[in-house]
Amino acid sequence: MAMFLSAMVGCAPALSTRTAGVTIVPSRIAVGPAMVSVFEFDRSGGLAQRADWTSAAAQNVDDAIAARVAASGGRTFVPADVAHTDVSYGDFRRWSSGALQEIARQLDGTRPSARRSVSEWRYPQSLSTWRAALAADFVVAVLFVDAYEAAAQATPAAERYRAAQTGIACAVDLGDGRIVWCDSAREAFGDLRTPVDARGAVATIAAELWPKGERP
């Protein structure tokens, strides 16, 4: 899965991240495994994905989301829960990964486009069977991308490049396939490989959907 690392910038194009007339009720939300990728900077400034760091970060993010869902309502799901439907989980995950990256790029100003609302992103197939299988009205997709220096080459002054971060969550309406809500990390978040920082990162993008949850 192709990923990107987004630099935090101060100016972003106007993109509406809320859809008028849409009310998202926490108890009617389903959320699957988060899309998390963690990279390592090498001495030349190149990037290599680290499976071990990614696995640890993904587990921490999923645990943080699950805690908020348990406290505020809704449900988590795994690919097997929709395996009997006519929409492939893998296809939806690939589409949502691409859509969230595009939205994040527009929000932080790294790739402006003519789109003016997140509702202009729509899944190209009916999601009605997911709505029935999950007993939910919305599916929330969560994406985090981060990069770290290896401990051996890190220095106290530059332990990590905090600009190389992306954190975004978006809600997809299972009635018509549109993305109807998004929130993204506006400031640098902590080390996703630690549970406390992962909880803080999740809170920055998901507290509006799930206001209750364990705080960092």
C-alpha atoms as a PDB file:
ATOM      1  CA  MET A   1       0.000   0.000   0.000  1.00  0.00           C
ATOM      2  CA  ALA A   2       1.545   3.265  -1.125  1.00  0.00           C
ATOM      3  CA  MET A   3       1.746   5.824   1.654  1.00  0.00           C
ATOM      4  CA  PHE A   4       3.000   9.369   1.972  1.00  0.00           C
ATOM      5  CA  LEU A   5       4.563  11.468   4.682  1.00  0.00           C
ATOM      6  CA  SER A   6       2.967  14.867   5.036  1.00  0.00           C
ATOM      7  CA  ALA A   7       4.668  17.989   6.350  1.00  0.00           C
ATOM      8  CA  MET A   8       2.685  20.212   8.682  1.00  0.00           C
ATOM      9  CA  VAL A   9       2.181  23.592   7.031  1.00  0.00           C
ATOM     10  CA  GLY A  10       0.411  26.700   8.182  1.00  0.00           C
ATOM     11  CA  CYS A  11      -1.814  27.398   5.167  1.00  0.00           C
ATOM     12  CA  ALA A  12      -4.363  24.965   3.763  1.00  0.00           C
ATOM     13  CA  PRO A  13      -6.922  25.280   0.973  1.00  0.00           C
ATOM     14  CA  ALA A  14     -10.593  25.620   1.867  1.00  0.00           C
ATOM     15  CA  LEU A  15     -12.033  22.131   2.134  1.00  0.00           C
ATOM     16  CA  SER A  16     -15.237  21.486   4.029  1.00  0.00           C
ATOM     17  CA  THR A  17     -14.791  18.506   6.342  1.00  0.00           C
ATOM     18  CA  ARG A  18     -18.401  18.415   7.578  1.00  0.00           C
ATOM     19  CA  THR A  19     -21.479  17.668   5.466  1.00  0.00           C
ATOM     20  CA  ALA A  20     -24.578  19.753   6.104  1.00  0.00           C
ATOM     21  CA  GLY A  21     -27.608  17.835   7.282  1.00  0.00           C
ATOM     22  CA  VAL A  22     -25.654  14.745   8.330  1.00  0.00           C
ATOM     23  CA  THR A  23     -25.783  13.701  11.983  1.00  0.00           C
ATOM     24  CA  ILE A  24     -23.408  10.967  13.100  1.00  0.00           C
ATOM     25  CA  VAL A  25     -24.615   9.041  16.136  1.00  0.00           C
ATOM     26  CA  PRO A  26     -21.781   7.181  17.922  1.00  0.00           C
ATOM     27  CA  SER A  27     -23.890   4.053  18.432  1.00  0.00           C
ATOM     28  CA  ARG A  28     -24.344   3.774  14.642  1.00  0.00           C
ATOM     29  CA  ILE A  29     -20.622   3.864  13.811  1.00  0.00           C
ATOM     30  CA  ALA A  30     -18.467   0.870  12.885  1.00  0.00           C
ATOM     31  CA  VAL A  31     -14.690   1.109  12.670  1.00  0.00           C
ATOM     32  CA  GLY A  32     -12.285  -1.453  11.274  1.00  0.00           C
ATOM     33  CA  PRO A  33      -8.541  -1.884  11.783  1.00  0.00           C
ATOM     34  CA  ALA A  34      -6.625   1.368  11.423  1.00  0.00           C
ATOM     35  CA  MET A  35      -4.300   1.874   8.474  1.00  0.00           C
ATOM     36  CA  VAL A  36      -0.909   2.537  10.039  1.00  0.00           C
ATOM     37  CA  SER A  37       2.527   2.727   8.446  1.00  0.00           C
ATOM     38  CA  VAL A  38       5.730   3.597  10.285  1.00  0.00           C
ATOM     39  CA  PHE A  39       8.994   4.281   8.495  1.00  0.00           C
ATOM     40  CA  GLU A  40      12.621   4.604   9.523  1.00  0.00           C
ATOM     41  CA  PHE A  41      14.911   7.375   8.315  1.00  0.00           C
ATOM     42  CA  ASP A  42      18.311   6.088   7.294  1.00  0.00           C
ATOM     43  CA  ARG A  43      21.529   8.098   7.492  1.00  0.00           C
ATOM     44  CA  SER A  44      21.089   9.395   3.941  1.00  0.00           C
ATOM     45  CA  GLY A  45      17.554  10.606   4.622  1.00  0.00           C
ATOM     46  CA  GLY A  46      15.863   7.738   2.818  1.00  0.00           C
ATOM     47  CA  LEU A  47      12.829   5.905   4.160  1.00  0.00           C
ATOM     48  CA  ALA A  48      12.206   2.228   4.785  1.00  0.00           C
ATOM     49  CA  GLN A  49       9.014   0.807   6.229  1.00  0.00           C
ATOM     50  CA  ARG A  50       9.517  -1.041   9.512  1.00  0.00           C
ATOM     51  CA  ALA A  51       7.111  -3.945   9.962  1.00  0.00           C
ATOM     52  CA  ASP A  52       7.888  -4.247  13.675  1.00  0.00           C
ATOM     53  CA  TRP A  53       7.323  -0.559  14.396  1.00  0.00           C
ATOM     54  CA  THR A  54       4.183  -0.569  12.235  1.00  0.00           C
ATOM     55  CA  SER A  55       2.748  -3.591  14.052  1.00  0.00           C
ATOM     56  CA  ALA A  56       3.310  -2.064  17.480  1.00  0.00           C
ATOM     57  CA  ALA A  57       1.875   1.298  16.443  1.00  0.00           C
ATOM     58  CA  ALA A  58      -1.168  -0.267  14.749  1.00  0.00           C
ATOM     59  CA  GLN A  59      -1.970  -2.316  17.849  1.00  0.00           C
ATOM     60  CA  ASN A  60      -1.734   0.763  20.055  1.00  0.00           C
ATOM     61  CA  VAL A  61      -3.950   2.813  17.736  1.00  0.00           C
ATOM     62  CA  ASP A  62      -6.547   0.033  17.476  1.00  0.00           C
ATOM     63  CA  ASP A  63      -6.581  -0.358  21.264  1.00  0.00           C
ATOM     64  CA  ALA A  64      -7.094   3.387  21.705  1.00  0.00           C
ATOM     65  CA  ILE A  65      -9.962   3.413  19.215  1.00  0.00           C
ATOM     66  CA  ALA A  66     -11.563   0.357  20.810  1.00  0.00           C
ATOM     67  CA  ALA A  67     -11.495   2.074  24.215  1.00  0.00           C
ATOM     68  CA  ARG A  68     -13.309   5.098  22.824  1.00  0.00           C
ATOM     69  CA  VAL A  69     -15.854   2.955  20.993  1.00  0.00           C
ATOM     70  CA  ALA A  70     -16.535   0.938  24.162  1.00  0.00           C
ATOM     71  CA  ALA A  71     -17.073   4.137  26.152  1.00  0.00           C
ATOM     72  CA  SER A  72     -19.068   6.150  23.620  1.00  0.00           C
ATOM     73  CA  GLY A  73     -20.935   3.539  21.588  1.00  0.00           C
ATOM     74  CA  GLY A  74     -20.648   1.889  18.201  1.00  0.00           C
ATOM     75  CA  ARG A  75     -18.667  -1.191  17.280  1.00  0.00           C
ATOM     76  CA  THR A  76     -15.349  -2.351  15.947  1.00  0.00           C
ATOM     77  CA  PHE A  77     -15.180  -4.936  13.191  1.00  0.00           C
ATOM     78  CA  VAL A  78     -12.703  -7.189  11.423  1.00  0.00           C
ATOM     79  CA  PRO A  79     -12.590  -8.249   7.763  1.00  0.00           C
ATOM     80  CA  ALA A  80     -14.390 -11.523   8.529  1.00  0.00           C
ATOM     81  CA  ASP A  81     -17.471  -9.559   9.600  1.00  0.00           C
ATOM     82  CA  VAL A  82     -18.071  -8.406   6.016  1.00  0.00           C
ATOM     83  CA  ALA A  83     -16.567 -11.367   4.167  1.00  0.00           C
ATOM     84  CA  HIS A  84     -20.021 -12.636   3.143  1.00  0.00           C
ATOM     85  CA  THR A  85     -21.024  -9.332   1.508  1.00  0.00           C
ATOM     86  CA  ASP A  86     -20.610  -8.206  -2.089  1.00  0.00           C
ATOM     87  CA  VAL A  87     -18.034  -5.544  -1.168  1.00  0.00           C
ATOM     88  CA  SER A  88     -14.477  -6.743  -0.631  1.00  0.00           C
ATOM     89  CA  TYR A  89     -12.901  -5.448   2.575  1.00  0.00           C
ATOM     90  CA  GLY A  90      -9.574  -5.224   0.763  1.00  0.00           C
ATOM     91  CA  ASP A  91     -11.076  -3.066  -2.000  1.00  0.00           C
ATOM     92  CA  PHE A  92     -12.690  -0.736   0.536  1.00  0.00           C
ATOM     93  CA  ARG A  93      -9.481  -0.456   2.538  1.00  0.00           C
ATOM     94  CA  ARG A  94      -7.450   0.426  -0.570  1.00  0.00           C
ATOM     95  CA  TRP A  95      -9.992   3.020  -1.644  1.00  0.00           C
ATOM     96  CA  SER A  96     -10.256   4.590   1.812  1.00  0.00           C
ATOM     97  CA  SER A  97      -6.463   4.697   2.169  1.00  0.00           C
ATOM     98  CA  GLY A  98      -6.162   6.599  -1.093  1.00  0.00           C
ATOM     99  CA  ALA A  99      -9.079   8.905  -0.308  1.00  0.00           C
ATOM    100  CA  LEU A 100      -7.781   9.778   3.175  1.00  0.00           C
ATOM    101  CA  GLN A 101      -4.315  10.495   1.820  1.00  0.00           C
ATOM    102  CA  GLU A 102      -5.764  12.778  -0.860  1.00  0.00           C
ATOM    103  CA  ILE A 103      -7.885  14.624   1.709  1.00  0.00           C
ATOM    104  CA  ALA A 104      -4.957  14.976   4.100  1.00  0.00           C
ATOM    105  CA  ARG A 105      -2.819  16.401   1.295  1.00  0.00           C
ATOM    106  CA  GLN A 106      -5.455  18.976   0.468  1.00  0.00           C
ATOM    107  CA  LEU A 107      -5.993  19.894   4.117  1.00  0.00           C
ATOM    108  CA  ASP A 108      -2.305  20.508   4.771  1.00  0.00           C
ATOM    109  CA  GLY A 109      -1.781  22.289   1.476  1.00  0.00           C
ATOM    110  CA  THR A 110       0.704  19.891  -0.074  1.00  0.00           C
ATOM    111  CA  ARG A 111      -1.577  19.001  -2.989  1.00  0.00           C
ATOM    112  CA  PRO A 112      -4.464  21.407  -3.590  1.00  0.00           C
ATOM    113  CA  SER A 113      -7.329  20.329  -5.829  1.00  0.00           C
ATOM    114  CA  ALA A 114     -10.586  21.726  -7.163  1.00  0.00           C
ATOM    115  CA  ARG A 115     -12.605  19.750  -4.642  1.00  0.00           C
ATOM    116  CA  ARG A 116     -14.219  21.818  -1.923  1.00  0.00           C
ATOM    117  CA  SER A 117     -15.847  19.184   0.282  1.00  0.00           C
ATOM    118  CA  VAL A 118     -14.922  15.740   1.548  1.00  0.00           C
ATOM    119  CA  SER A 119     -18.360  14.627   0.322  1.00  0.00           C
ATOM    120  CA  GLU A 120     -16.923  14.710  -3.199  1.00  0.00           C
ATOM    121  CA  TRP A 121     -15.152  11.447  -2.378  1.00  0.00           C
ATOM    122  CA  ARG A 122     -17.576   8.549  -2.818  1.00  0.00           C
ATOM    123  CA  TYR A 123     -17.057   4.786  -2.779  1.00  0.00           C
ATOM    124  CA  PRO A 124     -17.855   3.508  -6.310  1.00  0.00           C
ATOM    125  CA  GLN A 125     -20.083   0.622  -5.180  1.00  0.00           C
ATOM    126  CA  SER A 126     -23.165   0.321  -3.005  1.00  0.00           C
ATOM    127  CA  LEU A 127     -22.346  -0.350   0.654  1.00  0.00           C
ATOM    128  CA  SER A 128     -25.855  -1.456   1.590  1.00  0.00           C
ATOM    129  CA  THR A 129     -24.711  -4.995   2.418  1.00  0.00           C
ATOM    130  CA  TRP A 130     -22.134  -3.583   4.838  1.00  0.00           C
ATOM    131  CA  ARG A 131     -24.851  -1.488   6.441  1.00  0.00           C
ATOM    132  CA  ALA A 132     -26.861  -4.634   7.107  1.00  0.00           C
ATOM    133  CA  ALA A 133     -23.905  -6.786   8.159  1.00  0.00           C
ATOM    134  CA  LEU A 134     -22.515  -4.215  10.597  1.00  0.00           C
ATOM    135  CA  ALA A 135     -25.852  -2.781  11.789  1.00  0.00           C
ATOM    136  CA  ALA A 136     -24.296   0.634  11.312  1.00  0.00           C
ATOM    137  CA  ASP A 137     -24.892   3.787   9.297  1.00  0.00           C
ATOM    138  CA  PHE A 138     -21.281   4.889   9.033  1.00  0.00           C
ATOM    139  CA  VAL A 139     -17.866   3.278   8.760  1.00  0.00           C
ATOM    140  CA  VAL A 140     -14.947   5.298  10.071  1.00  0.00           C
ATOM    141  CA  ALA A 141     -11.555   4.864   8.417  1.00  0.00           C
ATOM    142  CA  VAL A 142      -8.445   5.871  10.357  1.00  0.00           C
ATOM    143  CA  LEU A 143      -4.997   6.435   8.862  1.00  0.00           C
ATOM    144  CA  PHE A 144      -1.678   7.268  10.511  1.00  0.00           C
ATOM    145  CA  VAL A 145       1.726   7.572   8.856  1.00  0.00           C
ATOM    146  CA  ASP A 146       4.883   8.386  10.816  1.00  0.00           C
ATOM    147  CA  ALA A 147       8.655   8.141  10.590  1.00  0.00           C
ATOM    148  CA  TYR A 148      11.423   7.813  13.162  1.00  0.00           C
ATOM    149  CA  GLU A 149      15.177   7.779  13.283  1.00  0.00           C
ATOM    150  CA  ALA A 150      16.820   4.599  14.494  1.00  0.00           C
ATOM    151  CA  ALA A 151      17.967   4.915  18.108  1.00  0.00           C
ATOM    152  CA  ALA A 152      21.589   4.382  17.129  1.00  0.00           C
ATOM    153  CA  GLN A 153      21.646   7.416  14.867  1.00  0.00           C
ATOM    154  CA  ALA A 154      19.284   9.700  16.782  1.00  0.00           C
ATOM    155  CA  THR A 155      20.678  12.679  18.650  1.00  0.00           C
ATOM    156  CA  PRO A 156      19.133  14.600  21.552  1.00  0.00           C
ATOM    157  CA  ALA A 157      18.594  17.583  19.265  1.00  0.00           C
ATOM    158  CA  ALA A 158      16.960  15.602  16.455  1.00  0.00           C
ATOM    159  CA  GLU A 159      15.525  12.396  17.820  1.00  0.00           C
ATOM    160  CA  ARG A 160      12.833  12.325  15.163  1.00  0.00           C
ATOM    161  CA  TYR A 161      11.435  14.399  12.332  1.00  0.00           C
ATOM    162  CA  ARG A 162       8.097  15.520  13.704  1.00  0.00           C
ATOM    163  CA  ALA A 163       7.026  17.069  10.410  1.00  0.00           C
ATOM    164  CA  ALA A 164       6.799  13.644   8.798  1.00  0.00           C
ATOM    165  CA  GLN A 165       3.401  12.779  10.205  1.00  0.00           C
ATOM    166  CA  THR A 166      -0.124  12.217   8.970  1.00  0.00           C
ATOM    167  CA  GLY A 167      -3.147  11.442  11.122  1.00  0.00           C
ATOM    168  CA  ILE A 168      -6.701  11.522   9.769  1.00  0.00           C
ATOM    169  CA  ALA A 169     -10.092   9.901  10.370  1.00  0.00           C
ATOM    170  CA  CYS A 170     -13.060  10.033   7.987  1.00  0.00           C
ATOM    171  CA  ALA A 171     -16.635   8.740   8.195  1.00  0.00           C
ATOM    172  CA  VAL A 172     -18.199   7.052   5.174  1.00  0.00           C
ATOM    173  CA  ASP A 173     -22.000   7.085   4.900  1.00  0.00           C
ATOM    174  CA  LEU A 174     -23.078   3.510   4.188  1.00  0.00           C
ATOM    175  CA  GLY A 175     -26.286   4.822   2.653  1.00  0.00           C
ATOM    176  CA  ASP A 176     -24.690   6.522  -0.341  1.00  0.00           C
ATOM    177  CA  GLY A 177     -20.935   5.835  -0.053  1.00  0.00           C
ATOM    178  CA  ARG A 178     -19.923   9.477   0.465  1.00  0.00           C
ATOM    179  CA  ILE A 179     -17.322  10.621   2.938  1.00  0.00           C
ATOM    180  CA  VAL A 180     -19.312  12.983   5.152  1.00  0.00           C
ATOM    181  CA  TRP A 181     -16.907  13.888   7.961  1.00  0.00           C
ATOM    182  CA  CYS A 182     -13.154  14.092   8.477  1.00  0.00           C
ATOM    183  CA  ASP A 183     -10.780  15.338  11.134  1.00  0.00           C
ATOM    184  CA  SER A 184      -7.006  15.473  10.947  1.00  0.00           C
ATOM    185  CA  ALA A 185      -4.110  16.043  13.321  1.00  0.00           C
ATOM    186  CA  ARG A 186      -3.274  19.742  13.216  1.00  0.00           C
ATOM    187  CA  GLU A 187      -0.204  19.479  15.414  1.00  0.00           C
ATOM    188  CA  ALA A 188       2.607  16.975  15.827  1.00  0.00           C
ATOM    189  CA  PHE A 189       1.594  13.910  17.807  1.00  0.00           C
ATOM    190  CA  GLY A 190       3.719  11.617  19.929  1.00  0.00           C
ATOM    191  CA  ASP A 191       5.331   8.249  19.312  1.00  0.00           C
ATOM    192  CA  LEU A 192       2.637   5.832  18.136  1.00  0.00           C
ATOM    193  CA  ARG A 193       4.782   2.939  19.326  1.00  0.00           C
ATOM    194  CA  THR A 194       3.867   3.868  22.917  1.00  0.00           C
ATOM    195  CA  PRO A 195       0.273   3.343  24.131  1.00  0.00           C
ATOM    196  CA  VAL A 196      -0.010   6.714  25.855  1.00  0.00           C
ATOM    197  CA  ASP A 197       1.042   8.675  22.772  1.00  0.00           C
ATOM    198  CA  ALA A 198      -1.199   6.570  20.529  1.00  0.00           C
ATOM    199  CA  ARG A 199      -4.149   7.401  22.785  1.00  0.00           C
ATOM    200  CA  GLY A 200      -3.302  11.084  22.507  1.00  0.00           C
ATOM    201  CA  ALA A 201      -3.005  10.892  18.714  1.00  0.00           C
ATOM    202  CA  VAL A 202      -6.355   9.108  18.395  1.00  0.00           C
ATOM    203  CA  ALA A 203      -7.980  11.693  20.670  1.00  0.00           C
ATOM    204  CA  THR A 204      -6.886  14.525  18.358  1.00  0.00           C
ATOM    205  CA  ILE A 205      -8.756  13.082  15.374  1.00  0.00           C
ATOM    206  CA  ALA A 206     -11.609  11.075  16.912  1.00  0.00           C
ATOM    207  CA  ALA A 207     -12.771  12.867  20.070  1.00  0.00           C
ATOM    208  CA  GLU A 208     -15.641  14.521  18.203  1.00  0.00           C
ATOM    209  CA  LEU A 209     -17.010  11.134  17.125  1.00  0.00           C
ATOM    210  CA  TRP A 210     -16.286   9.327  20.387  1.00  0.00           C
ATOM    211  CA  PRO A 211     -16.069  11.988  23.117  1.00  0.00           C
ATOM    212  CA  LYS A 212     -15.606   9.452  25.865  1.00  0.00           C
ATOM    213  CA  GLY A 213     -12.387   7.520  26.161  1.00  0.00           C
ATOM    214  CA  GLU A 214      -9.236   7.011  28.112  1.00  0.00           C
ATOM    215  CA  ARG A 215      -7.213  10.190  28.079  1.00  0.00           C
ATOM    216  CA  PRO A 216      -3.400  10.139  27.760  1.00  0.00           C
END
